[in-house]
PDB file of all heavy atoms in Angstrom:
ATOM      1  N   THR A   1     -42.363  97.760 -56.986  1.00  0.00           N
ATOM      2  CA  THR A   1     -41.699  96.473 -56.707  1.00  0.00           C
ATOM      3  C   THR A   1     -41.539  95.666 -57.967  1.00  0.00           C
ATOM      4  O   THR A   1     -40.440  95.150 -58.234  1.00  0.00           O
ATOM      5  CB  THR A   1     -42.519  95.685 -55.656  1.00  0.00           C
ATOM      6  OG1 THR A   1     -42.340  96.405 -54.419  1.00  0.00           O
ATOM      7  CG2 THR A   1     -42.041  94.284 -55.512  1.00  0.00           C
ATOM      8  N   PRO A   2     -42.565  95.492 -58.851  1.00  0.00           N
ATOM      9  CA  PRO A   2     -42.315  94.625 -59.988  1.00  0.00           C
ATOM     10  C   PRO A   2     -41.224  95.194 -60.964  1.00  0.00           C
ATOM     11  O   PRO A   2     -40.409  94.426 -61.437  1.00  0.00           O
ATOM     12  CB  PRO A   2     -43.674  94.673 -60.740  1.00  0.00           C
ATOM     13  CG  PRO A   2     -44.673  94.941 -59.638  1.00  0.00           C
ATOM     14  CD  PRO A   2     -43.966  95.897 -58.722  1.00  0.00           C
ATOM     15  N   ALA A   3     -41.276  96.491 -61.144  1.00  0.00           N
ATOM     16  CA  ALA A   3     -40.263  97.068 -62.072  1.00  0.00           C
ATOM     17  C   ALA A   3     -38.818  96.959 -61.536  1.00  0.00           C
ATOM     18  O   ALA A   3     -37.901  96.653 -62.259  1.00  0.00           O
ATOM     19  CB  ALA A   3     -40.600  98.551 -62.380  1.00  0.00           C
ATOM     20  N   LEU A   4     -38.661  97.178 -60.196  1.00  0.00           N
ATOM     21  CA  LEU A   4     -37.363  97.078 -59.631  1.00  0.00           C
ATOM     22  C   LEU A   4     -36.899  95.609 -59.621  1.00  0.00           C
ATOM     23  O   LEU A   4     -35.717  95.293 -59.865  1.00  0.00           O
ATOM     24  CB  LEU A   4     -37.348  97.592 -58.200  1.00  0.00           C
ATOM     25  CG  LEU A   4     -37.472  99.116 -58.052  1.00  0.00           C
ATOM     26  CD1 LEU A   4     -37.532  99.481 -56.576  1.00  0.00           C
ATOM     27  CD2 LEU A   4     -36.271  99.839 -58.698  1.00  0.00           C
ATOM     28  N   GLY A   5     -37.880  94.668 -59.405  1.00  0.00           N
ATOM     29  CA  GLY A   5     -37.551  93.259 -59.555  1.00  0.00           C
ATOM     30  C   GLY A   5     -37.044  92.877 -60.945  1.00  0.00           C
ATOM     31  O   GLY A   5     -36.049  92.149 -61.051  1.00  0.00           O
ATOM     32  N   LYS A   6     -37.672  93.445 -61.983  1.00  0.00           N
ATOM     33  CA  LYS A   6     -37.220  93.167 -63.326  1.00  0.00           C
ATOM     34  C   LYS A   6     -35.856  93.764 -63.595  1.00  0.00           C
ATOM     35  O   LYS A   6     -35.132  93.312 -64.476  1.00  0.00           O
ATOM     36  CB  LYS A   6     -38.287  93.735 -64.315  1.00  0.00           C
ATOM     37  CG  LYS A   6     -39.551  92.943 -64.361  1.00  0.00           C
ATOM     38  CD  LYS A   6     -40.568  93.574 -65.340  1.00  0.00           C
ATOM     39  CE  LYS A   6     -41.880  92.824 -65.331  1.00  0.00           C
ATOM     40  NZ  LYS A   6     -42.887  93.477 -66.227  1.00  0.00           N
ATOM     41  N   GLY A   7     -35.546  94.820 -62.809  1.00  0.00           N
ATOM     42  CA  GLY A   7     -34.229  95.460 -62.968  1.00  0.00           C
ATOM     43  C   GLY A   7     -33.124  94.749 -62.260  1.00  0.00           C
ATOM     44  O   GLY A   7     -32.019  95.207 -62.194  1.00  0.00           O
ATOM     45  N   GLY A   8     -33.428  93.583 -61.595  1.00  0.00           N
ATOM     46  CA  GLY A   8     -32.373  92.843 -60.957  1.00  0.00           C
ATOM     47  C   GLY A   8     -32.304  92.967 -59.468  1.00  0.00           C
ATOM     48  O   GLY A   8     -31.441  92.368 -58.831  1.00  0.00           O
ATOM     49  N   TYR A   9     -33.159  93.892 -58.898  1.00  0.00           N
ATOM     50  CA  TYR A   9     -33.106  94.062 -57.441  1.00  0.00           C
ATOM     51  C   TYR A   9     -33.856  92.926 -56.791  1.00  0.00           C
ATOM     52  O   TYR A   9     -34.729  92.280 -57.307  1.00  0.00           O
ATOM     53  CB  TYR A   9     -33.752  95.401 -57.088  1.00  0.00           C
ATOM     54  CG  TYR A   9     -32.890  96.604 -57.389  1.00  0.00           C
ATOM     55  CD1 TYR A   9     -33.007  97.245 -58.613  1.00  0.00           C
ATOM     56  CD2 TYR A   9     -31.915  97.032 -56.552  1.00  0.00           C
ATOM     57  CE1 TYR A   9     -32.189  98.311 -58.933  1.00  0.00           C
ATOM     58  CE2 TYR A   9     -31.061  98.094 -56.867  1.00  0.00           C
ATOM     59  CZ  TYR A   9     -31.221  98.730 -58.093  1.00  0.00           C
ATOM     60  OH  TYR A   9     -30.405  99.784 -58.425  1.00  0.00           O
ATOM     61  N   ASP A  10     -33.433  92.715 -55.492  1.00  0.00           N
ATOM     62  CA  ASP A  10     -34.083  91.687 -54.618  1.00  0.00           C
ATOM     63  C   ASP A  10     -35.162  92.381 -53.843  1.00  0.00           C
ATOM     64  O   ASP A  10     -34.894  93.157 -52.946  1.00  0.00           O
ATOM     65  CB  ASP A  10     -33.030  91.078 -53.727  1.00  0.00           C
ATOM     66  CG  ASP A  10     -33.561  90.049 -52.798  1.00  0.00           C
ATOM     67  OD1 ASP A  10     -34.790  89.677 -52.899  1.00  0.00           O
ATOM     68  OD2 ASP A  10     -32.822  89.529 -51.948  1.00  0.00           O
ATOM     69  N   LEU A  11     -36.392  92.175 -54.238  1.00  0.00           N
ATOM     70  CA  LEU A  11     -37.533  93.008 -53.745  1.00  0.00           C
ATOM     71  C   LEU A  11     -38.430  92.322 -52.777  1.00  0.00           C
ATOM     72  O   LEU A  11     -38.737  91.106 -52.941  1.00  0.00           O
ATOM     73  CB  LEU A  11     -38.398  93.483 -54.916  1.00  0.00           C
ATOM     74  CG  LEU A  11     -38.167  94.867 -55.447  1.00  0.00           C
ATOM     75  CD1 LEU A  11     -38.562  95.926 -54.418  1.00  0.00           C
ATOM     76  CD2 LEU A  11     -36.792  95.095 -55.854  1.00  0.00           C
ATOM     77  N   LEU A  12     -38.929  93.081 -51.825  1.00  0.00           N
ATOM     78  CA  LEU A  12     -40.055  92.666 -50.999  1.00  0.00           C
ATOM     79  C   LEU A  12     -41.064  93.817 -50.885  1.00  0.00           C
ATOM     80  O   LEU A  12     -40.625  94.884 -50.408  1.00  0.00           O
ATOM     81  CB  LEU A  12     -39.647  92.217 -49.587  1.00  0.00           C
ATOM     82  CG  LEU A  12     -40.772  91.878 -48.651  1.00  0.00           C
ATOM     83  CD1 LEU A  12     -41.615  90.728 -49.179  1.00  0.00           C
ATOM     84  CD2 LEU A  12     -40.264  91.537 -47.257  1.00  0.00           C
ATOM     85  N   GLY A  13     -42.264  93.674 -51.396  1.00  0.00           N
ATOM     86  CA  GLY A  13     -43.270  94.710 -51.295  1.00  0.00           C
ATOM     87  C   GLY A  13     -44.320  94.270 -50.270  1.00  0.00           C
ATOM     88  O   GLY A  13     -44.813  93.167 -50.347  1.00  0.00           O
ATOM     89  N   ILE A  14     -44.634  95.141 -49.263  1.00  0.00           N
ATOM     90  CA  ILE A  14     -45.619  94.757 -48.302  1.00  0.00           C
ATOM     91  C   ILE A  14     -46.770  95.763 -48.277  1.00  0.00           C
ATOM     92  O   ILE A  14     -46.644  96.941 -48.519  1.00  0.00           O
ATOM     93  CB  ILE A  14     -44.962  94.690 -46.920  1.00  0.00           C
ATOM     94  CG1 ILE A  14     -44.517  96.054 -46.414  1.00  0.00           C
ATOM     95  CG2 ILE A  14     -43.860  93.639 -46.836  1.00  0.00           C
ATOM     96  CD1 ILE A  14     -44.150  96.168 -44.929  1.00  0.00           C
ATOM     97  N   ASP A  15     -47.942  95.187 -48.043  1.00  0.00           N
ATOM     98  CA  ASP A  15     -49.201  95.970 -47.940  1.00  0.00           C
ATOM     99  C   ASP A  15     -50.306  94.970 -47.624  1.00  0.00           C
ATOM    100  O   ASP A  15     -50.269  93.843 -48.111  1.00  0.00           O
ATOM    101  CB  ASP A  15     -49.534  96.635 -49.288  1.00  0.00           C
ATOM    102  CG  ASP A  15     -50.645  97.655 -49.157  1.00  0.00           C
ATOM    103  OD1 ASP A  15     -51.758  97.275 -49.017  1.00  0.00           O
ATOM    104  OD2 ASP A  15     -50.377  98.868 -49.304  1.00  0.00           O
ATOM    105  N   PRO A  16     -51.277  95.317 -46.780  1.00  0.00           N
ATOM    106  CA  PRO A  16     -52.408  94.435 -46.496  1.00  0.00           C
ATOM    107  C   PRO A  16     -53.163  94.051 -47.759  1.00  0.00           C
ATOM    108  O   PRO A  16     -53.807  92.986 -47.768  1.00  0.00           O
ATOM    109  CB  PRO A  16     -53.267  95.198 -45.570  1.00  0.00           C
ATOM    110  CG  PRO A  16     -52.314  96.113 -44.849  1.00  0.00           C
ATOM    111  CD  PRO A  16     -51.303  96.523 -45.900  1.00  0.00           C
ATOM    112  N   ARG A  17     -53.025  94.852 -48.802  1.00  0.00           N
ATOM    113  CA  ARG A  17     -53.756  94.554 -50.057  1.00  0.00           C
ATOM    114  C   ARG A  17     -52.743  94.206 -51.183  1.00  0.00           C
ATOM    115  O   ARG A  17     -53.099  94.412 -52.398  1.00  0.00           O
ATOM    116  CB  ARG A  17     -54.584  95.759 -50.499  1.00  0.00           C
ATOM    117  CG  ARG A  17     -55.655  96.182 -49.461  1.00  0.00           C
ATOM    118  CD  ARG A  17     -56.417  97.421 -49.924  1.00  0.00           C
ATOM    119  NE  ARG A  17     -55.503  98.507 -50.049  1.00  0.00           N
ATOM    120  CZ  ARG A  17     -55.587  99.477 -50.951  1.00  0.00           C
ATOM    121  NH1 ARG A  17     -56.593  99.387 -51.827  1.00  0.00           N
ATOM    122  NH2 ARG A  17     -54.764 100.464 -51.013  1.00  0.00           N
ATOM    123  N   ALA A  18     -51.570  93.842 -50.818  1.00  0.00           N
ATOM    124  CA  ALA A  18     -50.503  93.540 -51.865  1.00  0.00           C
ATOM    125  C   ALA A  18     -50.999  92.448 -52.831  1.00  0.00           C
ATOM    126  O   ALA A  18     -51.777  91.583 -52.508  1.00  0.00           O
ATOM    127  CB  ALA A  18     -49.263  93.112 -51.167  1.00  0.00           C
ATOM    128  N   PRO A  19     -50.486  92.476 -54.036  1.00  0.00           N
ATOM    129  CA  PRO A  19     -50.775  91.376 -54.965  1.00  0.00           C
ATOM    130  C   PRO A  19     -50.230  90.051 -54.445  1.00  0.00           C
ATOM    131  O   PRO A  19     -49.361  90.039 -53.546  1.00  0.00           O
ATOM    132  CB  PRO A  19     -50.058  91.768 -56.288  1.00  0.00           C
ATOM    133  CG  PRO A  19     -49.664  93.209 -56.083  1.00  0.00           C
ATOM    134  CD  PRO A  19     -49.525  93.482 -54.675  1.00  0.00           C
ATOM    135  N   SER A  20     -50.657  88.986 -55.016  1.00  0.00           N
ATOM    136  CA  SER A  20     -50.113  87.685 -54.703  1.00  0.00           C
ATOM    137  C   SER A  20     -48.817  87.533 -55.514  1.00  0.00           C
ATOM    138  O   SER A  20     -48.553  88.226 -56.478  1.00  0.00           O
ATOM    139  CB  SER A  20     -51.067  86.566 -55.060  1.00  0.00           C
ATOM    140  OG  SER A  20     -51.365  86.555 -56.456  1.00  0.00           O
ATOM    141  N   GLY A  21     -47.915  86.664 -55.081  1.00  0.00           N
ATOM    142  CA  GLY A  21     -46.661  86.383 -55.793  1.00  0.00           C
ATOM    143  C   GLY A  21     -45.491  86.477 -54.858  1.00  0.00           C
ATOM    144  O   GLY A  21     -45.537  86.895 -53.714  1.00  0.00           O
ATOM    145  N   PRO A  22     -44.369  85.922 -55.335  1.00  0.00           N
ATOM    146  CA  PRO A  22     -43.140  85.787 -54.478  1.00  0.00           C
ATOM    147  C   PRO A  22     -42.512  87.117 -54.013  1.00  0.00           C
ATOM    148  O   PRO A  22     -41.769  87.161 -53.107  1.00  0.00           O
ATOM    149  CB  PRO A  22     -42.214  84.961 -55.360  1.00  0.00           C
ATOM    150  CG  PRO A  22     -42.638  85.277 -56.754  1.00  0.00           C
ATOM    151  CD  PRO A  22     -44.163  85.417 -56.701  1.00  0.00           C
ATOM    152  N   LEU A  23     -42.870  88.217 -54.747  1.00  0.00           N
ATOM    153  CA  LEU A  23     -42.229  89.493 -54.362  1.00  0.00           C
ATOM    154  C   LEU A  23     -43.010  90.241 -53.279  1.00  0.00           C
ATOM    155  O   LEU A  23     -42.574  91.276 -52.784  1.00  0.00           O
ATOM    156  CB  LEU A  23     -42.197  90.456 -55.601  1.00  0.00           C
ATOM    157  CG  LEU A  23     -41.372  89.947 -56.791  1.00  0.00           C
ATOM    158  CD1 LEU A  23     -41.346  91.019 -57.873  1.00  0.00           C
ATOM    159  CD2 LEU A  23     -39.933  89.640 -56.388  1.00  0.00           C
ATOM    160  N   PHE A  24     -44.132  89.690 -52.839  1.00  0.00           N
ATOM    161  CA  PHE A  24     -45.074  90.410 -52.016  1.00  0.00           C
ATOM    162  C   PHE A  24     -45.464  89.642 -50.781  1.00  0.00           C
ATOM    163  O   PHE A  24     -45.480  88.360 -50.756  1.00  0.00           O
ATOM    164  CB  PHE A  24     -46.345  90.782 -52.763  1.00  0.00           C
ATOM    165  CG  PHE A  24     -46.129  91.573 -54.011  1.00  0.00           C
ATOM    166  CD1 PHE A  24     -46.076  90.993 -55.262  1.00  0.00           C
ATOM    167  CD2 PHE A  24     -45.908  92.945 -53.875  1.00  0.00           C
ATOM    168  CE1 PHE A  24     -45.891  91.750 -56.388  1.00  0.00           C
ATOM    169  CE2 PHE A  24     -45.652  93.737 -55.052  1.00  0.00           C
ATOM    170  CZ  PHE A  24     -45.611  93.098 -56.282  1.00  0.00           C
ATOM    171  N   ARG A  25     -45.781  90.412 -49.679  1.00  0.00           N
ATOM    172  CA  ARG A  25     -46.391  89.836 -48.496  1.00  0.00           C
ATOM    173  C   ARG A  25     -47.561  90.754 -48.070  1.00  0.00           C
ATOM    174  O   ARG A  25     -47.411  91.991 -48.038  1.00  0.00           O
ATOM    175  CB  ARG A  25     -45.392  89.665 -47.354  1.00  0.00           C
ATOM    176  CG  ARG A  25     -44.413  88.597 -47.619  1.00  0.00           C
ATOM    177  CD  ARG A  25     -43.460  88.419 -46.403  1.00  0.00           C
ATOM    178  NE  ARG A  25     -44.176  88.062 -45.172  1.00  0.00           N
ATOM    179  CZ  ARG A  25     -43.685  88.081 -43.955  1.00  0.00           C
ATOM    180  NH1 ARG A  25     -42.418  88.381 -43.783  1.00  0.00           N
ATOM    181  NH2 ARG A  25     -44.419  87.740 -42.903  1.00  0.00           N
ATOM    182  N   ARG A  26     -48.667  90.148 -47.683  1.00  0.00           N
ATOM    183  CA  ARG A  26     -49.829  90.960 -47.241  1.00  0.00           C
ATOM    184  C   ARG A  26     -49.735  91.161 -45.730  1.00  0.00           C
ATOM    185  O   ARG A  26     -50.453  90.463 -44.941  1.00  0.00           O
ATOM    186  CB  ARG A  26     -51.135  90.190 -47.656  1.00  0.00           C
ATOM    187  CG  ARG A  26     -51.377  90.245 -49.139  1.00  0.00           C
ATOM    188  CD  ARG A  26     -52.572  89.535 -49.610  1.00  0.00           C
ATOM    189  NE  ARG A  26     -52.817  89.633 -51.019  1.00  0.00           N
ATOM    190  CZ  ARG A  26     -53.534  88.789 -51.740  1.00  0.00           C
ATOM    191  NH1 ARG A  26     -54.136  87.740 -51.155  1.00  0.00           N
ATOM    192  NH2 ARG A  26     -53.618  88.989 -53.008  1.00  0.00           N
ATOM    193  N   VAL A  27     -48.879  92.105 -45.370  1.00  0.00           N
ATOM    194  CA  VAL A  27     -48.729  92.443 -43.979  1.00  0.00           C
ATOM    195  C   VAL A  27     -48.529  93.945 -43.865  1.00  0.00           C
ATOM    196  O   VAL A  27     -48.209  94.591 -44.824  1.00  0.00           O
ATOM    197  CB  VAL A  27     -47.518  91.741 -43.332  1.00  0.00           C
ATOM    198  CG1 VAL A  27     -47.702  90.234 -43.259  1.00  0.00           C
ATOM    199  CG2 VAL A  27     -46.210  92.097 -44.079  1.00  0.00           C
ATOM    200  N   THR A  28     -48.758  94.447 -42.650  1.00  0.00           N
ATOM    201  CA  THR A  28     -48.433  95.885 -42.356  1.00  0.00           C
ATOM    202  C   THR A  28     -46.919  95.938 -41.977  1.00  0.00           C
ATOM    203  O   THR A  28     -46.290  94.916 -41.701  1.00  0.00           O
ATOM    204  CB  THR A  28     -49.263  96.397 -41.209  1.00  0.00           C
ATOM    205  OG1 THR A  28     -48.926  95.679 -40.047  1.00  0.00           O
ATOM    206  CG2 THR A  28     -50.751  96.266 -41.498  1.00  0.00           C
ATOM    207  N   LEU A  29     -46.421  97.151 -41.908  1.00  0.00           N
ATOM    208  CA  LEU A  29     -45.009  97.310 -41.421  1.00  0.00           C
ATOM    209  C   LEU A  29     -44.888  96.784 -40.001  1.00  0.00           C
ATOM    210  O   LEU A  29     -43.939  96.155 -39.644  1.00  0.00           O
ATOM    211  CB  LEU A  29     -44.646  98.802 -41.481  1.00  0.00           C
ATOM    212  CG  LEU A  29     -43.270  99.181 -40.908  1.00  0.00           C
ATOM    213  CD1 LEU A  29     -42.188  98.454 -41.607  1.00  0.00           C
ATOM    214  CD2 LEU A  29     -43.069 100.665 -40.893  1.00  0.00           C
ATOM    215  N   GLU A  30     -45.884  97.054 -39.210  1.00  0.00           N
ATOM    216  CA  GLU A  30     -45.845  96.577 -37.819  1.00  0.00           C
ATOM    217  C   GLU A  30     -45.789  95.064 -37.767  1.00  0.00           C
ATOM    218  O   GLU A  30     -45.159  94.462 -36.855  1.00  0.00           O
ATOM    219  CB  GLU A  30     -47.098  97.097 -37.018  1.00  0.00           C
ATOM    220  CG  GLU A  30     -47.104  96.760 -35.580  1.00  0.00           C
ATOM    221  CD  GLU A  30     -48.311  97.306 -34.859  1.00  0.00           C
ATOM    222  OE1 GLU A  30     -49.391  97.589 -35.542  1.00  0.00           O
ATOM    223  OE2 GLU A  30     -48.318  97.446 -33.635  1.00  0.00           O
ATOM    224  N   GLU A  31     -46.516  94.398 -38.680  1.00  0.00           N
ATOM    225  CA  GLU A  31     -46.555  92.885 -38.618  1.00  0.00           C
ATOM    226  C   GLU A  31     -45.365  92.268 -39.268  1.00  0.00           C
ATOM    227  O   GLU A  31     -45.049  91.089 -39.092  1.00  0.00           O
ATOM    228  CB  GLU A  31     -47.753  92.438 -39.410  1.00  0.00           C
ATOM    229  CG  GLU A  31     -49.133  92.818 -38.767  1.00  0.00           C
ATOM    230  CD  GLU A  31     -50.291  92.641 -39.668  1.00  0.00           C
ATOM    231  OE1 GLU A  31     -50.093  92.600 -40.928  1.00  0.00           O
ATOM    232  OE2 GLU A  31     -51.422  92.559 -39.154  1.00  0.00           O
ATOM    233  N   LEU A  32     -44.568  93.027 -40.048  1.00  0.00           N
ATOM    234  CA  LEU A  32     -43.427  92.496 -40.794  1.00  0.00           C
ATOM    235  C   LEU A  32     -42.376  91.864 -39.840  1.00  0.00           C
ATOM    236  O   LEU A  32     -41.928  92.623 -38.944  1.00  0.00           O
ATOM    237  CB  LEU A  32     -42.802  93.576 -41.693  1.00  0.00           C
ATOM    238  CG  LEU A  32     -41.553  93.125 -42.425  1.00  0.00           C
ATOM    239  CD1 LEU A  32     -41.925  92.106 -43.530  1.00  0.00           C
ATOM    240  CD2 LEU A  32     -40.871  94.347 -43.069  1.00  0.00           C
TER     241      LEU A  32
END
């Protein structure tokens, strides 16, 4: 996610243990 974001893509990375920050959400796929 960070590298693709730096490449100009509009990113959302999800994981219950995802980092903090605007590109991420701490959720499962089911919860998304």
